C-alpha atoms as a PDB file:
ATOM      1  CA  MET A   1      55.960  98.317 141.680  1.00  0.00           C
ATOM      2  CA  LYS A   2      52.449  98.849 142.744  1.00  0.00           C
ATOM      3  CA  LEU A   3      49.457  98.661 140.320  1.00  0.00           C
ATOM      4  CA  PRO A   4      46.722 100.969 140.246  1.00  0.00           C
ATOM      5  CA  ASP A   5      44.416  98.753 142.180  1.00  0.00           C
ATOM      6  CA  GLY A   6      47.069  98.720 145.011  1.00  0.00           C
ATOM      7  CA  SER A   7      48.300  95.321 144.543  1.00  0.00           C
ATOM      8  CA  ILE A   8      51.957  94.647 143.748  1.00  0.00           C
ATOM      9  CA  LEU A   9      53.235  93.573 140.438  1.00  0.00           C
ATOM     10  CA  MET A  10      54.915  90.056 140.438  1.00  0.00           C
ATOM     11  CA  VAL A  11      57.408  88.554 137.895  1.00  0.00           C
ATOM     12  CA  THR A  12      59.141  85.373 137.473  1.00  0.00           C
ATOM     13  CA  ASP A  13      62.839  85.539 136.935  1.00  0.00           C
ATOM     14  CA  GLU A  14      65.074  83.242 134.765  1.00  0.00           C
ATOM     15  CA  ASN A  15      65.229  80.571 137.824  1.00  0.00           C
ATOM     16  CA  GLY A  16      61.409  80.506 138.165  1.00  0.00           C
ATOM     17  CA  VAL A  17      61.409  82.429 141.198  1.00  0.00           C
ATOM     18  CA  ARG A  18      58.481  84.715 141.745  1.00  0.00           C
ATOM     19  CA  HIS A  19      59.206  88.165 143.173  1.00  0.00           C
ATOM     20  CA  ALA A  20      58.011  91.890 143.090  1.00  0.00           C
ATOM     21  CA  TYR A  21      58.995  93.482 139.941  1.00  0.00           C
ATOM     22  CA  ASP A  22      62.029  95.681 140.051  1.00  0.00           C
ATOM     23  CA  ALA A  23      62.825  98.101 137.203  1.00  0.00           C
ATOM     24  CA  ASN A  24      66.466  98.797 137.873  1.00  0.00           C
ATOM     25  CA  TYR A  25      67.064  94.935 138.243  1.00  0.00           C
ATOM     26  CA  ALA A  26      65.063  94.400 134.747  1.00  0.00           C
ATOM     27  CA  ARG A  27      67.258  96.962 133.161  1.00  0.00           C
ATOM     28  CA  GLN A  28      70.518  95.450 134.433  1.00  0.00           C
ATOM     29  CA  TYR A  29      69.145  92.160 133.387  1.00  0.00           C
ATOM     30  CA  TYR A  30      68.628  93.437 129.860  1.00  0.00           C
ATOM     31  CA  LEU A  31      71.960  94.942 129.464  1.00  0.00           C
ATOM     32  CA  ARG A  32      73.875  91.861 130.635  1.00  0.00           C
ATOM     33  CA  THR A  33      71.784  89.351 128.485  1.00  0.00           C
ATOM     34  CA  ARG A  34      71.109  91.411 125.300  1.00  0.00           C
ATOM     35  CA  LYS A  35      72.556  90.022 122.018  1.00  0.00           C
ATOM     36  CA  LEU A  36      71.815  92.104 118.843  1.00  0.00           C
ATOM     37  CA  LYS A  37      71.302  89.924 115.898  1.00  0.00           C
ATOM     38  CA  GLY A  38      71.776  91.268 112.336  1.00  0.00           C
ATOM     39  CA  ARG A  39      69.985  90.301 109.227  1.00  0.00           C
ATOM     40  CA  LYS A  40      71.017  86.839 107.877  1.00  0.00           C
ATOM     41  CA  LYS A  41      71.991  87.293 104.089  1.00  0.00           C
ATOM     42  CA  GLY A  42      71.312  84.664 101.592  1.00  0.00           C
ATOM     43  CA  THR A  43      68.523  82.903 103.252  1.00  0.00           C
ATOM     44  CA  SER A  44      66.181  83.429 100.239  1.00  0.00           C
ATOM     45  CA  PRO A  45      66.856  82.167  96.866  1.00  0.00           C
ATOM     46  CA  ASP A  46      66.067  85.671  95.391  1.00  0.00           C
ATOM     47  CA  ALA A  47      68.142  87.416  98.034  1.00  0.00           C
ATOM     48  CA  GLY A  48      70.478  89.184  95.259  1.00  0.00           C
ATOM     49  CA  LEU A  49      67.243  90.752  93.577  1.00  0.00           C
ATOM     50  CA  PRO A  50      65.760  94.013  94.354  1.00  0.00           C
ATOM     51  CA  ARG A  51      62.428  93.524  96.592  1.00  0.00           C
ATOM     52  CA  ASN A  52      60.033  94.445  93.753  1.00  0.00           C
ATOM     53  CA  SER A  53      61.577  91.966  91.363  1.00  0.00           C
ATOM     54  CA  ARG A  54      61.219  89.126  93.856  1.00  0.00           C
ATOM     55  CA  VAL A  55      57.606  89.869  94.653  1.00  0.00           C
ATOM     56  CA  ARG A  56      57.017  89.892  90.691  1.00  0.00           C
ATOM     57  CA  SER A  57      58.922  86.653  89.865  1.00  0.00           C
ATOM     58  CA  SER A  58      57.260  84.827  92.672  1.00  0.00           C
ATOM     59  CA  LEU A  59      53.574  86.043  91.839  1.00  0.00           C
ATOM     60  CA  GLN A  60      53.667  86.219  88.028  1.00  0.00           C
ATOM     61  CA  PRO A  61      53.689  83.173  85.834  1.00  0.00           C
ATOM     62  CA  LYS A  62      56.752  83.048  83.468  1.00  0.00           C
ATOM     63  CA  LYS A  63      56.009  84.826  80.046  1.00  0.00           C
ATOM     64  CA  ASN A  64      56.249  82.969  76.714  1.00  0.00           C
ATOM     65  CA  PRO A  65      59.408  83.593  75.143  1.00  0.00           C
ATOM     66  CA  ALA A  66      57.717  84.833  71.820  1.00  0.00           C
ATOM     67  CA  VAL A  67      55.955  87.517  73.818  1.00  0.00           C
ATOM     68  CA  ARG A  68      58.919  88.534  75.331  1.00  0.00           C
ATOM     69  CA  ALA A  69      60.634  88.803  72.009  1.00  0.00           C
ATOM     70  CA  ARG A  70      57.999  91.142  70.771  1.00  0.00           C
ATOM     71  CA  GLN A  71      58.224  93.279  73.920  1.00  0.00           C
ATOM     72  CA  ARG A  72      61.931  93.441  73.494  1.00  0.00           C
ATOM     73  CA  GLN A  73      61.451  94.684  69.906  1.00  0.00           C
ATOM     74  CA  ALA A  74      58.766  97.286  70.830  1.00  0.00           C
ATOM     75  CA  LEU A  75      61.002  98.698  73.631  1.00  0.00           C
ATOM     76  CA  ALA A  76      63.967  98.779  71.243  1.00  0.00           C
ATOM     77  CA  ALA A  77      61.859 100.623  68.760  1.00  0.00           C
ATOM     78  CA  ARG A  78      60.689 103.056  71.394  1.00  0.00           C
ATOM     79  CA  ILE A  79      64.246 103.760  72.335  1.00  0.00           C
ATOM     80  CA  LYS A  80      65.393 104.507  68.923  1.00  0.00           C
ATOM     81  CA  THR A  81      62.332 106.920  68.253  1.00  0.00           C
ATOM     82  CA  LEU A  82      63.182 108.416  71.770  1.00  0.00           C
ATOM     83  CA  GLU A  83      66.870 108.922  70.979  1.00  0.00           C
ATOM     84  CA  SER A  84      66.031 110.449  67.521  1.00  0.00           C
ATOM     85  CA  LYS A  85      63.649 112.780  69.135  1.00  0.00           C
ATOM     86  CA  LEU A  86      66.444 113.614  71.712  1.00  0.00           C
ATOM     87  CA  ASN A  87      68.824 114.451  68.926  1.00  0.00           C
ATOM     88  CA  LYS A  88      66.387 116.316  67.107  1.00  0.00           C
ATOM     89  CA  LEU A  89      65.711 118.423  70.415  1.00  0.00           C
ATOM     90  CA  GLU A  90      69.637 118.860  71.108  1.00  0.00           C
ATOM     91  CA  ALA A  91      70.103 120.085  67.556  1.00  0.00           C
ATOM     92  CA  LYS A  92      67.236 122.762  67.987  1.00  0.00           C
ATOM     93  CA  ILE A  93      68.739 123.665  71.427  1.00  0.00           C
ATOM     94  CA  ARG A  94      72.163 124.388  69.757  1.00  0.00           C
ATOM     95  CA  GLN A  95      70.312 126.309  66.941  1.00  0.00           C
ATOM     96  CA  ARG A  96      68.302 128.340  69.471  1.00  0.00           C
ATOM     97  CA  ALA A  97      71.379 128.947  71.407  1.00  0.00           C
ATOM     98  CA  GLN A  98      73.315 130.127  68.458  1.00  0.00           C
ATOM     99  CA  GLU A  99      70.442 132.574  67.446  1.00  0.00           C
ATOM    100  CA  ASP A 100      70.384 134.043  70.927  1.00  0.00           C
ATOM    101  CA  ARG A 101      73.964 134.602  70.936  1.00  0.00           C
ATOM    102  CA  GLU A 102      73.670 136.425  67.608  1.00  0.00           C
ATOM    103  CA  SER A 103      70.820 138.399  68.712  1.00  0.00           C
ATOM    104  CA  ALA A 104      72.404 139.244  71.944  1.00  0.00           C
ATOM    105  CA  LYS A 105      75.412 140.433  69.684  1.00  0.00           C
ATOM    106  CA  GLU A 106      73.213 142.638  67.398  1.00  0.00           C
ATOM    107  CA  ALA A 107      71.684 144.168  70.513  1.00  0.00           C
ATOM    108  CA  ALA A 108      74.750 144.968  72.096  1.00  0.00           C
ATOM    109  CA  LYS A 109      75.919 147.023  69.091  1.00  0.00           C
ATOM    110  CA  PRO A 110      74.763 150.984  69.513  1.00  0.00           C
ATOM    111  CA  ALA A 111      73.038 152.376  66.665  1.00  0.00           C
ATOM    112  CA  SER A 112      74.213 155.439  65.020  1.00  0.00           C
ATOM    113  CA  ALA A 113      72.120 158.693  64.889  1.00  0.00           C
ATOM    114  CA  ALA A 114      71.414 158.209  61.266  1.00  0.00           C
ATOM    115  CA  GLU A 115      70.233 154.375  61.850  1.00  0.00           C
ATOM    116  CA  LYS A 116      67.952 155.718  64.671  1.00  0.00           C
ATOM    117  CA  ARG A 117      66.463 158.581  62.437  1.00  0.00           C
ATOM    118  CA  LYS A 118      65.921 155.916  59.540  1.00  0.00           C
ATOM    119  CA  LYS A 119      64.137 153.457  62.133  1.00  0.00           C
ATOM    120  CA  ALA A 120      62.129 156.211  63.496  1.00  0.00           C
ATOM    121  CA  LYS A 121      60.880 157.305  60.149  1.00  0.00           C
ATOM    122  CA  GLU A 122      59.860 153.825  58.957  1.00  0.00           C
ATOM    123  CA  SER A 123      58.005 153.192  62.173  1.00  0.00           C
ATOM    124  CA  GLU A 124      56.229 156.510  61.633  1.00  0.00           C
ATOM    125  CA  LYS A 125      55.213 155.306  58.257  1.00  0.00           C
ATOM    126  CA  TYR A 126      54.131 151.756  59.445  1.00  0.00           C
ATOM    127  CA  ARG A 127      51.940 153.574  62.024  1.00  0.00           C
ATOM    128  CA  ASP A 128      50.112 155.868  59.671  1.00  0.00           C
ATOM    129  CA  LYS A 129      49.717 153.042  57.152  1.00  0.00           C
ATOM    130  CA  ASN A 130      48.446 150.390  59.740  1.00  0.00           C
ATOM    131  CA  LYS A 131      46.452 152.518  62.311  1.00  0.00           C
ATOM    132  CA  GLN A 132      43.373 150.079  62.652  1.00  0.00           C
ATOM    133  CA  LYS A 133      45.774 147.097  62.617  1.00  0.00           C
ATOM    134  CA  LEU A 134      47.659 148.643  65.585  1.00  0.00           C
ATOM    135  CA  ALA A 135      44.482 149.510  67.497  1.00  0.00           C
ATOM    136  CA  ASN A 136      43.120 146.013  66.857  1.00  0.00           C
ATOM    137  CA  LYS A 137      46.364 144.401  68.112  1.00  0.00           C
ATOM    138  CA  ALA A 138      46.497 146.643  71.113  1.00  0.00           C
ATOM    139  CA  LYS A 139      42.746 145.708  72.153  1.00  0.00           C
ATOM    140  CA  GLN A 140      43.504 142.137  71.692  1.00  0.00           C
ATOM    141  CA  ALA A 141      46.690 142.289  73.787  1.00  0.00           C
ATOM    142  CA  SER A 142      44.903 143.875  76.437  1.00  0.00           C
ATOM    143  CA  GLY A 143      42.697 140.875  76.657  1.00  0.00           C
ATOM    144  CA  ASP A 144      45.337 138.139  76.460  1.00  0.00           C
ATOM    145  CA  LYS A 145      47.549 137.037  79.234  1.00  0.00           C
ATOM    146  CA  LYS A 146      50.230 135.967  76.662  1.00  0.00           C
ATOM    147  CA  LYS A 147      53.116 138.302  75.843  1.00  0.00           C
ATOM    148  CA  PRO A 148      53.632 139.103  72.351  1.00  0.00           C
ATOM    149  CA  GLY A 149      56.390 137.088  70.816  1.00  0.00           C
ATOM    150  CA  THR A 150      56.282 133.923  72.972  1.00  0.00           C
ATOM    151  CA  SER A 151      54.915 131.889  70.466  1.00  0.00           C
ATOM    152  CA  LYS A 152      58.432 130.296  69.891  1.00  0.00           C
ATOM    153  CA  THR A 153      59.553 127.999  72.560  1.00  0.00           C
ATOM    154  CA  SER A 154      62.453 129.203  74.613  1.00  0.00           C
ATOM    155  CA  THR A 155      65.524 127.445  75.067  1.00  0.00           C
ATOM    156  CA  GLU A 156      64.735 126.571  78.770  1.00  0.00           C
ATOM    157  CA  ASP A 157      61.647 124.679  77.714  1.00  0.00           C
ATOM    158  CA  LEU A 158      63.498 122.930  75.071  1.00  0.00           C
ATOM    159  CA  LYS A 159      66.030 121.790  77.750  1.00  0.00           C
ATOM    160  CA  LYS A 160      63.280 120.774  80.008  1.00  0.00           C
ATOM    161  CA  LEU A 161      61.819 118.646  77.249  1.00  0.00           C
ATOM    162  CA  ALA A 162      65.113 117.204  76.481  1.00  0.00           C
ATOM    163  CA  THR A 163      65.493 115.989  80.137  1.00  0.00           C
ATOM    164  CA  LYS A 164      62.005 114.608  80.087  1.00  0.00           C
ATOM    165  CA  VAL A 165      63.025 112.538  77.086  1.00  0.00           C
ATOM    166  CA  LYS A 166      66.277 111.385  78.632  1.00  0.00           C
ATOM    167  CA  GLY A 167      64.262 110.236  81.381  1.00  0.00           C
ATOM    168  CA  GLN A 168      61.931 108.302  79.214  1.00  0.00           C
ATOM    169  CA  ILE A 169      64.722 106.591  77.574  1.00  0.00           C
ATOM    170  CA  ALA A 170      66.364 105.746  80.828  1.00  0.00           C
ATOM    171  CA  VAL A 171      62.969 103.968  81.812  1.00  0.00           C
ATOM    172  CA  ALA A 172      62.723 102.151  78.417  1.00  0.00           C
ATOM    173  CA  LYS A 173      66.172 100.873  78.699  1.00  0.00           C
ATOM    174  CA  GLN A 174      65.477  99.703  82.246  1.00  0.00           C
ATOM    175  CA  ARG A 175      62.376  97.789  81.202  1.00  0.00           C
ATOM    176  CA  LEU A 176      64.366  96.233  78.365  1.00  0.00           C
ATOM    177  CA  ALA A 177      66.925  95.278  80.660  1.00  0.00           C
ATOM    178  CA  ALA A 178      64.425  93.618  82.977  1.00  0.00           C
ATOM    179  CA  LEU A 179      63.115  91.369  80.150  1.00  0.00           C
END
């Protein structure tokens, strides 16, 4: 093999003899002598632990047992409060789902002609009585980006919040197990 300056690349083989570099010979030698070695397990005293625990345990000094006990109590209390919060959320989700089913059932019922007339008459009376209030609401609604009636949190929002709380519980339990 020639180098950019025109000289020939010389290599020393396994017997100590110098000769010109041959790429095919080098490839054949590699294929003939390669031995793939795997990772040796059990060489470290912390081999069974995850990497971040090994680093943490080797760099940080051991904690006082009293401190660890207080941390365990605090984490246990946090888990308890999170679980109670999750139970309340799940109860609220069930209640909201029941309300949604009932309102969907009511909405699915067709109104009779008499009911329609009655509602129309009531809405006309309300409009006559509250003209200014309705005008103000309309003006305010045009300026707001929020839809009317969205003050209640939806079932999907509650489910997202419940999922978030479940994640917080899982993290707290992992921390408790690590102590």
